[in-house]
Amino acid sequence: MIKKLHAFPCGFERFPNALFDPFSPSPGAEREIPYFFYLLEHPEGLVLFDTGVHPMLIADIKAHLGPEADNWGIEAKPADDARAKLATLGVAPEDISHVIMSHLHYDHSGGITSFPGAQIWMQRAEWDFAHNPPVYQAGLYVRSEFEIPTARLRLIEGEQDLFGDGAITMIPTPGHTPGHQSLLARGRHAVLLTADAAYEPDLADIARLPAAALCVSPDDMIASRETLRALRDAHGATVLCTHDIAFRTNIRLAPGAHYD
């Protein structure tokens, strides 16, 4: 089982409510969307779920994202670099054995290049989609962030138990993208990391879907949320959403707190 799970906030986006909730009573009001990545301590190695943003996005957002930078109200500081965050726990980039990607949008995949010794795990459908995305998601993928040597790449199809002991299990949750996946982590307690499959940890409003640019398939996203509900109930899991706007009260923030 995992020893500890650390949830690191690592930057923000700010944009109108309507993008996440088209039926919001105040669709034009701005909401603050956090970025997160997660460190899991397992007896067989240290594992990341997602990697935060690219160092160049922190240094010069427009140079890294181009015109897309104007769409999302991004705020990321040097202290938000995944390497800086991990250093607060005494963890160096070379200490990371595995990186599991929920998907390859820039706010999740930017730090891949910071961990050159890790094996990179993702759904094959995400890898294929990221190399030929439709125009409405093309700006969310930065090819240079995931130019990964073949020897480090682990493409999977379906559910995958990383160490074969039920501690860290990748769960396909398409909808946001075709190859999106979530993660079930099991230690003393179970934790379900949804990434972009769900944005509200109670999973109550299964049909509150984001705008089309953030939802490739509404049907798949609803089915994925049903999957997350079933996993939560079966394992009594705590649900952590990467973009939870109430993260300051809902999530135990690293490095000061953790899950076990």
C-alpha atoms as a PDB file:
ATOM      1  CA  MET A   1       0.000   0.000   0.000  1.00  0.00           C
ATOM      2  CA  ILE A   2       1.091   3.608  -0.368  1.00  0.00           C
ATOM      3  CA  LYS A   3       2.738   5.224   2.653  1.00  0.00           C
ATOM      4  CA  LYS A   4       1.717   8.825   1.985  1.00  0.00           C
ATOM      5  CA  LEU A   5       0.036  10.919  -0.704  1.00  0.00           C
ATOM      6  CA  HIS A   6       0.968  14.603  -1.018  1.00  0.00           C
ATOM      7  CA  ALA A   7      -1.232  17.101  -2.915  1.00  0.00           C
ATOM      8  CA  PHE A   8       0.773  20.059  -4.232  1.00  0.00           C
ATOM      9  CA  PRO A   9      -0.978  23.198  -5.551  1.00  0.00           C
ATOM     10  CA  CYS A  10       1.137  24.653  -8.356  1.00  0.00           C
ATOM     11  CA  GLY A  11      -0.502  27.680  -9.984  1.00  0.00           C
ATOM     12  CA  PHE A  12      -3.879  28.969 -11.151  1.00  0.00           C
ATOM     13  CA  GLU A  13      -6.110  29.874 -14.034  1.00  0.00           C
ATOM     14  CA  ARG A  14      -8.873  32.458 -13.833  1.00  0.00           C
ATOM     15  CA  PHE A  15     -11.779  32.467 -16.273  1.00  0.00           C
ATOM     16  CA  PRO A  16     -15.582  32.909 -16.377  1.00  0.00           C
ATOM     17  CA  ASN A  17     -17.844  30.463 -14.554  1.00  0.00           C
ATOM     18  CA  ALA A  18     -19.582  29.563 -17.819  1.00  0.00           C
ATOM     19  CA  LEU A  19     -16.620  27.503 -19.034  1.00  0.00           C
ATOM     20  CA  PHE A  20     -17.054  24.998 -16.198  1.00  0.00           C
ATOM     21  CA  ASP A  21     -20.774  25.525 -15.626  1.00  0.00           C
ATOM     22  CA  PRO A  22     -22.765  26.974 -18.553  1.00  0.00           C
ATOM     23  CA  PHE A  23     -25.869  27.168 -16.308  1.00  0.00           C
ATOM     24  CA  SER A  24     -24.174  29.110 -13.511  1.00  0.00           C
ATOM     25  CA  PRO A  25     -26.400  31.894 -12.077  1.00  0.00           C
ATOM     26  CA  SER A  26     -23.437  34.221 -12.637  1.00  0.00           C
ATOM     27  CA  PRO A  27     -21.854  32.871 -15.842  1.00  0.00           C
ATOM     28  CA  GLY A  28     -19.598  35.885 -16.360  1.00  0.00           C
ATOM     29  CA  ALA A  29     -18.144  35.925 -12.855  1.00  0.00           C
ATOM     30  CA  GLU A  30     -14.504  34.910 -12.617  1.00  0.00           C
ATOM     31  CA  ARG A  31     -13.497  31.726 -10.835  1.00  0.00           C
ATOM     32  CA  GLU A  32     -10.034  30.708  -9.692  1.00  0.00           C
ATOM     33  CA  ILE A  33      -9.042  27.261 -10.920  1.00  0.00           C
ATOM     34  CA  PRO A  34      -6.051  25.687  -9.143  1.00  0.00           C
ATOM     35  CA  TYR A  35      -3.462  23.420 -10.677  1.00  0.00           C
ATOM     36  CA  PHE A  36      -2.286  20.347  -8.739  1.00  0.00           C
ATOM     37  CA  PHE A  37       0.124  17.464  -8.994  1.00  0.00           C
ATOM     38  CA  TYR A  38       0.472  14.605  -6.530  1.00  0.00           C
ATOM     39  CA  LEU A  39       3.359  12.647  -5.010  1.00  0.00           C
ATOM     40  CA  LEU A  40       2.710   9.075  -3.895  1.00  0.00           C
ATOM     41  CA  GLU A  41       5.187   7.261  -1.671  1.00  0.00           C
ATOM     42  CA  HIS A  42       5.212   3.522  -2.347  1.00  0.00           C
ATOM     43  CA  PRO A  43       7.693   0.937  -1.024  1.00  0.00           C
ATOM     44  CA  GLU A  44       8.859   0.297  -4.601  1.00  0.00           C
ATOM     45  CA  GLY A  45       9.419   3.940  -5.503  1.00  0.00           C
ATOM     46  CA  LEU A  46       8.151   7.505  -5.655  1.00  0.00           C
ATOM     47  CA  VAL A  47       5.342   8.170  -8.122  1.00  0.00           C
ATOM     48  CA  LEU A  48       3.894  11.404  -9.505  1.00  0.00           C
ATOM     49  CA  PHE A  49       0.362  11.803 -10.784  1.00  0.00           C
ATOM     50  CA  ASP A  50       0.678  14.701 -13.245  1.00  0.00           C
ATOM     51  CA  THR A  51       3.572  17.153 -13.178  1.00  0.00           C
ATOM     52  CA  GLY A  52       2.250  20.726 -13.113  1.00  0.00           C
ATOM     53  CA  VAL A  53       3.307  23.374 -15.596  1.00  0.00           C
ATOM     54  CA  HIS A  54       6.444  23.706 -17.703  1.00  0.00           C
ATOM     55  CA  PRO A  55       9.253  25.914 -16.322  1.00  0.00           C
ATOM     56  CA  MET A  56       9.037  28.035 -19.488  1.00  0.00           C
ATOM     57  CA  LEU A  57       5.342  28.702 -18.850  1.00  0.00           C
ATOM     58  CA  ILE A  58       6.368  30.114 -15.475  1.00  0.00           C
ATOM     59  CA  ALA A  59       9.166  32.175 -17.018  1.00  0.00           C
ATOM     60  CA  ASP A  60       7.270  33.498 -20.054  1.00  0.00           C
ATOM     61  CA  ILE A  61       3.685  32.344 -20.533  1.00  0.00           C
ATOM     62  CA  LYS A  62       3.195  33.913 -23.956  1.00  0.00           C
ATOM     63  CA  ALA A  63       6.460  32.570 -25.338  1.00  0.00           C
ATOM     64  CA  HIS A  64       5.480  29.065 -24.260  1.00  0.00           C
ATOM     65  CA  LEU A  65       1.763  28.980 -25.108  1.00  0.00           C
ATOM     66  CA  GLY A  66       1.501  31.624 -27.790  1.00  0.00           C
ATOM     67  CA  PRO A  67      -2.023  33.057 -28.398  1.00  0.00           C
ATOM     68  CA  GLU A  68      -3.542  30.435 -26.066  1.00  0.00           C
ATOM     69  CA  ALA A  69      -1.979  32.286 -23.123  1.00  0.00           C
ATOM     70  CA  ASP A  70      -4.546  35.074 -23.469  1.00  0.00           C
ATOM     71  CA  ASN A  71      -7.496  32.711 -23.005  1.00  0.00           C
ATOM     72  CA  TRP A  72      -6.919  31.371 -19.509  1.00  0.00           C
ATOM     73  CA  GLY A  73      -5.692  34.019 -17.064  1.00  0.00           C
ATOM     74  CA  ILE A  74      -2.740  31.909 -15.952  1.00  0.00           C
ATOM     75  CA  GLU A  75      -0.722  32.707 -12.852  1.00  0.00           C
ATOM     76  CA  ALA A  76       2.303  30.532 -12.071  1.00  0.00           C
ATOM     77  CA  LYS A  77       5.373  31.554 -10.069  1.00  0.00           C
ATOM     78  CA  PRO A  78       8.872  30.025  -9.738  1.00  0.00           C
ATOM     79  CA  ALA A  79       7.816  28.403  -6.457  1.00  0.00           C
ATOM     80  CA  ASP A  80       5.100  26.537  -8.423  1.00  0.00           C
ATOM     81  CA  ASP A  81       7.665  24.523 -10.404  1.00  0.00           C
ATOM     82  CA  ALA A  82       7.171  20.854  -9.465  1.00  0.00           C
ATOM     83  CA  ARG A  83      10.864  20.538  -8.650  1.00  0.00           C
ATOM     84  CA  ALA A  84      10.668  23.414  -6.180  1.00  0.00           C
ATOM     85  CA  LYS A  85       7.542  21.945  -4.597  1.00  0.00           C
ATOM     86  CA  LEU A  86       9.107  18.497  -4.193  1.00  0.00           C
ATOM     87  CA  ALA A  87      12.250  20.019  -2.691  1.00  0.00           C
ATOM     88  CA  THR A  88      10.154  21.127   0.278  1.00  0.00           C
ATOM     89  CA  LEU A  89       9.959  17.411   1.163  1.00  0.00           C
ATOM     90  CA  GLY A  90      13.581  16.723   0.326  1.00  0.00           C
ATOM     91  CA  VAL A  91      12.679  14.967  -2.941  1.00  0.00           C
ATOM     92  CA  ALA A  92      14.887  15.499  -5.997  1.00  0.00           C
ATOM     93  CA  PRO A  93      13.825  14.940  -9.645  1.00  0.00           C
ATOM     94  CA  GLU A  94      16.007  11.852  -9.919  1.00  0.00           C
ATOM     95  CA  ASP A  95      14.169  10.296  -6.967  1.00  0.00           C
ATOM     96  CA  ILE A  96      10.979   9.928  -9.041  1.00  0.00           C
ATOM     97  CA  SER A  97      10.605   6.442 -10.526  1.00  0.00           C
ATOM     98  CA  HIS A  98       7.245   6.748 -12.306  1.00  0.00           C
ATOM     99  CA  VAL A  99       5.084   9.575 -13.653  1.00  0.00           C
ATOM    100  CA  ILE A 100       1.422   8.803 -14.378  1.00  0.00           C
ATOM    101  CA  MET A 101      -0.274  11.307 -16.655  1.00  0.00           C
ATOM    102  CA  SER A 102      -3.990  11.958 -16.396  1.00  0.00           C
ATOM    103  CA  HIS A 103      -3.733  13.580 -19.821  1.00  0.00           C
ATOM    104  CA  LEU A 104      -1.367  15.851 -21.737  1.00  0.00           C
ATOM    105  CA  HIS A 105      -2.897  19.331 -21.474  1.00  0.00           C
ATOM    106  CA  TYR A 106      -0.261  21.933 -20.596  1.00  0.00           C
ATOM    107  CA  ASP A 107      -1.456  22.414 -16.998  1.00  0.00           C
ATOM    108  CA  HIS A 108      -0.824  18.718 -16.276  1.00  0.00           C
ATOM    109  CA  SER A 109       2.065  17.667 -18.515  1.00  0.00           C
ATOM    110  CA  GLY A 110       4.472  20.600 -18.444  1.00  0.00           C
ATOM    111  CA  GLY A 111       6.779  19.109 -15.841  1.00  0.00           C
ATOM    112  CA  ILE A 112       7.412  15.838 -17.687  1.00  0.00           C
ATOM    113  CA  THR A 113      10.753  17.157 -18.946  1.00  0.00           C
ATOM    114  CA  SER A 114      11.819  17.842 -15.346  1.00  0.00           C
ATOM    115  CA  PHE A 115      11.934  14.105 -14.533  1.00  0.00           C
ATOM    116  CA  PRO A 116      14.140  12.561 -17.218  1.00  0.00           C
ATOM    117  CA  GLY A 117      14.719   9.300 -15.346  1.00  0.00           C
ATOM    118  CA  ALA A 118      11.079   8.371 -14.737  1.00  0.00           C
ATOM    119  CA  GLN A 119       8.886   5.960 -16.652  1.00  0.00           C
ATOM    120  CA  ILE A 120       5.909   7.852 -18.112  1.00  0.00           C
ATOM    121  CA  TRP A 121       2.520   6.111 -18.030  1.00  0.00           C
ATOM    122  CA  MET A 122      -0.572   7.171 -19.987  1.00  0.00           C
ATOM    123  CA  GLN A 123      -3.448   5.783 -21.980  1.00  0.00           C
ATOM    124  CA  ARG A 124      -2.606   5.080 -25.606  1.00  0.00           C
ATOM    125  CA  ALA A 125      -5.752   6.973 -26.629  1.00  0.00           C
ATOM    126  CA  GLU A 126      -4.352  10.115 -24.983  1.00  0.00           C
ATOM    127  CA  TRP A 127      -0.999   9.781 -26.712  1.00  0.00           C
ATOM    128  CA  ASP A 128      -2.703   9.423 -30.097  1.00  0.00           C
ATOM    129  CA  PHE A 129      -5.156  12.278 -29.478  1.00  0.00           C
ATOM    130  CA  ALA A 130      -2.426  14.650 -28.259  1.00  0.00           C
ATOM    131  CA  HIS A 131      -0.588  14.268 -31.544  1.00  0.00           C
ATOM    132  CA  ASN A 132      -3.646  15.145 -33.630  1.00  0.00           C
ATOM    133  CA  PRO A 133      -6.133  17.108 -31.497  1.00  0.00           C
ATOM    134  CA  PRO A 134      -9.159  18.896 -32.967  1.00  0.00           C
ATOM    135  CA  VAL A 135      -8.880  22.628 -33.417  1.00  0.00           C
ATOM    136  CA  TYR A 136     -10.843  23.429 -30.235  1.00  0.00           C
ATOM    137  CA  GLN A 137      -8.269  21.618 -28.070  1.00  0.00           C
ATOM    138  CA  ALA A 138      -5.134  22.105 -30.151  1.00  0.00           C
ATOM    139  CA  GLY A 139      -3.952  25.054 -28.061  1.00  0.00           C
ATOM    140  CA  LEU A 140      -4.064  22.969 -24.876  1.00  0.00           C
ATOM    141  CA  TYR A 141      -1.352  20.609 -26.130  1.00  0.00           C
ATOM    142  CA  VAL A 142       2.293  21.737 -26.361  1.00  0.00           C
ATOM    143  CA  ARG A 143       4.167  19.054 -28.284  1.00  0.00           C
ATOM    144  CA  SER A 144       7.580  19.896 -26.807  1.00  0.00           C
ATOM    145  CA  GLU A 145       6.284  19.057 -23.325  1.00  0.00           C
ATOM    146  CA  PHE A 146       5.831  15.391 -24.167  1.00  0.00           C
ATOM    147  CA  GLU A 147       8.634  14.564 -26.557  1.00  0.00           C
ATOM    148  CA  ILE A 148       9.441  11.417 -24.599  1.00  0.00           C
ATOM    149  CA  PRO A 149      12.085   8.824 -25.539  1.00  0.00           C
ATOM    150  CA  THR A 150      10.420   5.545 -26.459  1.00  0.00           C
ATOM    151  CA  ALA A 151      12.310   3.707 -23.716  1.00  0.00           C
ATOM    152  CA  ARG A 152      10.589   5.825 -21.062  1.00  0.00           C
ATOM    153  CA  LEU A 153       7.082   5.669 -22.493  1.00  0.00           C
ATOM    154  CA  ARG A 154       4.511   3.197 -21.189  1.00  0.00           C
ATOM    155  CA  LEU A 155       1.293   3.291 -23.220  1.00  0.00           C
ATOM    156  CA  ILE A 156      -1.581   1.328 -21.727  1.00  0.00           C
ATOM    157  CA  GLU A 157      -5.116   0.459 -22.769  1.00  0.00           C
ATOM    158  CA  GLY A 158      -7.591   0.259 -19.944  1.00  0.00           C
ATOM    159  CA  GLU A 159      -7.107  -0.208 -16.222  1.00  0.00           C
ATOM    160  CA  GLN A 160      -3.542  -0.698 -14.981  1.00  0.00           C
ATOM    161  CA  ASP A 161      -2.256  -1.648 -11.521  1.00  0.00           C
ATOM    162  CA  LEU A 162       1.187  -0.025 -11.378  1.00  0.00           C
ATOM    163  CA  PHE A 163       2.883  -2.355  -8.899  1.00  0.00           C
ATOM    164  CA  GLY A 164       0.447  -5.282  -8.986  1.00  0.00           C
ATOM    165  CA  ASP A 165      -0.590  -4.828  -5.358  1.00  0.00           C
ATOM    166  CA  GLY A 166      -3.708  -2.651  -5.683  1.00  0.00           C
ATOM    167  CA  ALA A 167      -1.950   0.389  -4.206  1.00  0.00           C
ATOM    168  CA  ILE A 168      -1.883   2.571  -7.331  1.00  0.00           C
ATOM    169  CA  THR A 169      -4.399   1.850 -10.075  1.00  0.00           C
ATOM    170  CA  MET A 170      -4.917   3.856 -13.261  1.00  0.00           C
ATOM    171  CA  ILE A 171      -8.603   4.093 -14.222  1.00  0.00           C
ATOM    172  CA  PRO A 172      -9.703   5.234 -17.711  1.00  0.00           C
ATOM    173  CA  THR A 173     -12.097   8.200 -17.375  1.00  0.00           C
ATOM    174  CA  PRO A 174     -12.552   9.615 -20.889  1.00  0.00           C
ATOM    175  CA  GLY A 175     -14.668  12.631 -21.702  1.00  0.00           C
ATOM    176  CA  HIS A 176     -12.460  15.629 -21.035  1.00  0.00           C
ATOM    177  CA  THR A 177     -10.155  13.981 -23.576  1.00  0.00           C
ATOM    178  CA  PRO A 178     -10.463  10.502 -25.146  1.00  0.00           C
ATOM    179  CA  GLY A 179      -7.488   9.177 -23.187  1.00  0.00           C
ATOM    180  CA  HIS A 180      -8.047  10.858 -19.843  1.00  0.00           C
ATOM    181  CA  GLN A 181      -7.425   8.691 -16.769  1.00  0.00           C
ATOM    182  CA  SER A 182      -7.905   9.050 -13.015  1.00  0.00           C
ATOM    183  CA  LEU A 183      -6.075   7.308 -10.194  1.00  0.00           C
ATOM    184  CA  LEU A 184      -7.136   5.182  -7.235  1.00  0.00           C
ATOM    185  CA  ALA A 185      -4.532   5.201  -4.457  1.00  0.00           C
ATOM    186  CA  ARG A 186      -4.858   2.856  -1.491  1.00  0.00           C
ATOM    187  CA  GLY A 187      -2.999   3.167   1.795  1.00  0.00           C
ATOM    188  CA  ARG A 188      -4.574   3.176   5.238  1.00  0.00           C
ATOM    189  CA  HIS A 189      -7.373   5.013   3.443  1.00  0.00           C
ATOM    190  CA  ALA A 190      -8.317   5.165  -0.242  1.00  0.00           C
ATOM    191  CA  VAL A 191      -7.957   8.386  -2.236  1.00  0.00           C
ATOM    192  CA  LEU A 192      -9.452   8.932  -5.689  1.00  0.00           C
ATOM    193  CA  LEU A 193      -7.659  11.500  -7.856  1.00  0.00           C
ATOM    194  CA  THR A 194     -10.090  12.625 -10.553  1.00  0.00           C
ATOM    195  CA  ALA A 195      -7.941  15.124 -12.495  1.00  0.00           C
ATOM    196  CA  ASP A 196     -10.378  16.637 -15.059  1.00  0.00           C
ATOM    197  CA  ALA A 197     -12.966  13.856 -14.970  1.00  0.00           C
ATOM    198  CA  ALA A 198     -14.850  15.761 -12.247  1.00  0.00           C
ATOM    199  CA  TYR A 199     -14.548  19.188 -10.662  1.00  0.00           C
ATOM    200  CA  GLU A 200     -16.663  18.809  -7.506  1.00  0.00           C
ATOM    201  CA  PRO A 201     -15.504  16.253  -4.920  1.00  0.00           C
ATOM    202  CA  ASP A 202     -18.997  15.282  -3.819  1.00  0.00           C
ATOM    203  CA  LEU A 203     -19.669  14.056  -7.405  1.00  0.00           C
ATOM    204  CA  ALA A 204     -23.252  15.167  -6.775  1.00  0.00           C
ATOM    205  CA  ASP A 205     -24.149  16.933 -10.002  1.00  0.00           C
ATOM    206  CA  ILE A 206     -23.062  14.351 -12.527  1.00  0.00           C
ATOM    207  CA  ALA A 207     -24.535  16.313 -15.438  1.00  0.00           C
ATOM    208  CA  ARG A 208     -22.854  19.674 -14.781  1.00  0.00           C
ATOM    209  CA  LEU A 209     -20.555  19.540 -17.782  1.00  0.00           C
ATOM    210  CA  PRO A 210     -17.968  22.072 -18.916  1.00  0.00           C
ATOM    211  CA  ALA A 211     -17.991  23.914 -22.223  1.00  0.00           C
ATOM    212  CA  ALA A 212     -17.268  21.967 -25.408  1.00  0.00           C
ATOM    213  CA  ALA A 213     -13.575  22.967 -25.523  1.00  0.00           C
ATOM    214  CA  LEU A 214     -13.087  21.124 -22.216  1.00  0.00           C
ATOM    215  CA  CYS A 215     -15.322  18.142 -22.958  1.00  0.00           C
ATOM    216  CA  VAL A 216     -14.626  16.064 -26.054  1.00  0.00           C
ATOM    217  CA  SER A 217     -17.504  13.679 -25.252  1.00  0.00           C
ATOM    218  CA  PRO A 218     -20.338  14.553 -22.833  1.00  0.00           C
ATOM    219  CA  ASP A 219     -21.557  10.936 -22.837  1.00  0.00           C
ATOM    220  CA  ASP A 220     -18.106   9.635 -21.908  1.00  0.00           C
ATOM    221  CA  MET A 221     -17.690  12.257 -19.177  1.00  0.00           C
ATOM    222  CA  ILE A 222     -20.992  11.288 -17.573  1.00  0.00           C
ATOM    223  CA  ALA A 223     -20.071   7.589 -17.741  1.00  0.00           C
ATOM    224  CA  SER A 224     -16.687   8.372 -16.212  1.00  0.00           C
ATOM    225  CA  ARG A 225     -18.317  10.227 -13.339  1.00  0.00           C
ATOM    226  CA  GLU A 226     -20.508   7.199 -12.739  1.00  0.00           C
ATOM    227  CA  THR A 227     -17.325   5.116 -12.620  1.00  0.00           C
ATOM    228  CA  LEU A 228     -15.822   7.524 -10.083  1.00  0.00           C
ATOM    229  CA  ARG A 229     -18.940   7.341  -7.917  1.00  0.00           C
ATOM    230  CA  ALA A 230     -18.814   3.550  -7.934  1.00  0.00           C
ATOM    231  CA  LEU A 231     -15.130   3.523  -6.994  1.00  0.00           C
ATOM    232  CA  ARG A 232     -15.662   6.069  -4.232  1.00  0.00           C
ATOM    233  CA  ASP A 233     -18.471   4.006  -2.736  1.00  0.00           C
ATOM    234  CA  ALA A 234     -16.708   0.651  -3.107  1.00  0.00           C
ATOM    235  CA  HIS A 235     -13.517   1.836  -1.417  1.00  0.00           C
ATOM    236  CA  GLY A 236     -14.849   4.541   0.892  1.00  0.00           C
ATOM    237  CA  ALA A 237     -12.454   6.848  -0.932  1.00  0.00           C
ATOM    238  CA  THR A 238     -11.730  10.508  -0.386  1.00  0.00           C
ATOM    239  CA  VAL A 239     -12.187  12.341  -3.705  1.00  0.00           C
ATOM    240  CA  LEU A 240      -9.631  14.967  -4.745  1.00  0.00           C
ATOM    241  CA  CYS A 241     -10.344  17.090  -7.822  1.00  0.00           C
ATOM    242  CA  THR A 242      -7.377  18.793  -9.449  1.00  0.00           C
ATOM    243  CA  HIS A 243      -9.397  21.915 -10.251  1.00  0.00           C
ATOM    244  CA  ASP A 244     -11.509  22.097  -7.070  1.00  0.00           C
ATOM    245  CA  ILE A 245     -12.267  25.777  -6.509  1.00  0.00           C
ATOM    246  CA  ALA A 246     -12.723  25.094  -2.781  1.00  0.00           C
ATOM    247  CA  PHE A 247      -9.343  23.373  -2.521  1.00  0.00           C
ATOM    248  CA  ARG A 248      -8.186  25.503   0.411  1.00  0.00           C
ATOM    249  CA  THR A 249     -10.762  23.844   2.638  1.00  0.00           C
ATOM    250  CA  ASN A 250     -11.321  20.546   0.788  1.00  0.00           C
ATOM    251  CA  ILE A 251      -7.731  19.360   0.331  1.00  0.00           C
ATOM    252  CA  ARG A 252      -4.871  18.677   2.753  1.00  0.00           C
ATOM    253  CA  LEU A 253      -2.168  20.759   1.129  1.00  0.00           C
ATOM    254  CA  ALA A 254       1.459  19.672   0.864  1.00  0.00           C
ATOM    255  CA  PRO A 255       3.995  20.064   2.251  1.00  0.00           C
ATOM    256  CA  GLY A 256       2.253  20.731   5.549  1.00  0.00           C
ATOM    257  CA  ALA A 257      -0.265  17.889   5.360  1.00  0.00           C
ATOM    258  CA  HIS A 258      -0.755  14.585   3.557  1.00  0.00           C
ATOM    259  CA  TYR A 259      -3.012  11.534   3.128  1.00  0.00           C
ATOM    260  CA  ASP A 260      -2.103   8.023   4.252  1.00  0.00           C
END
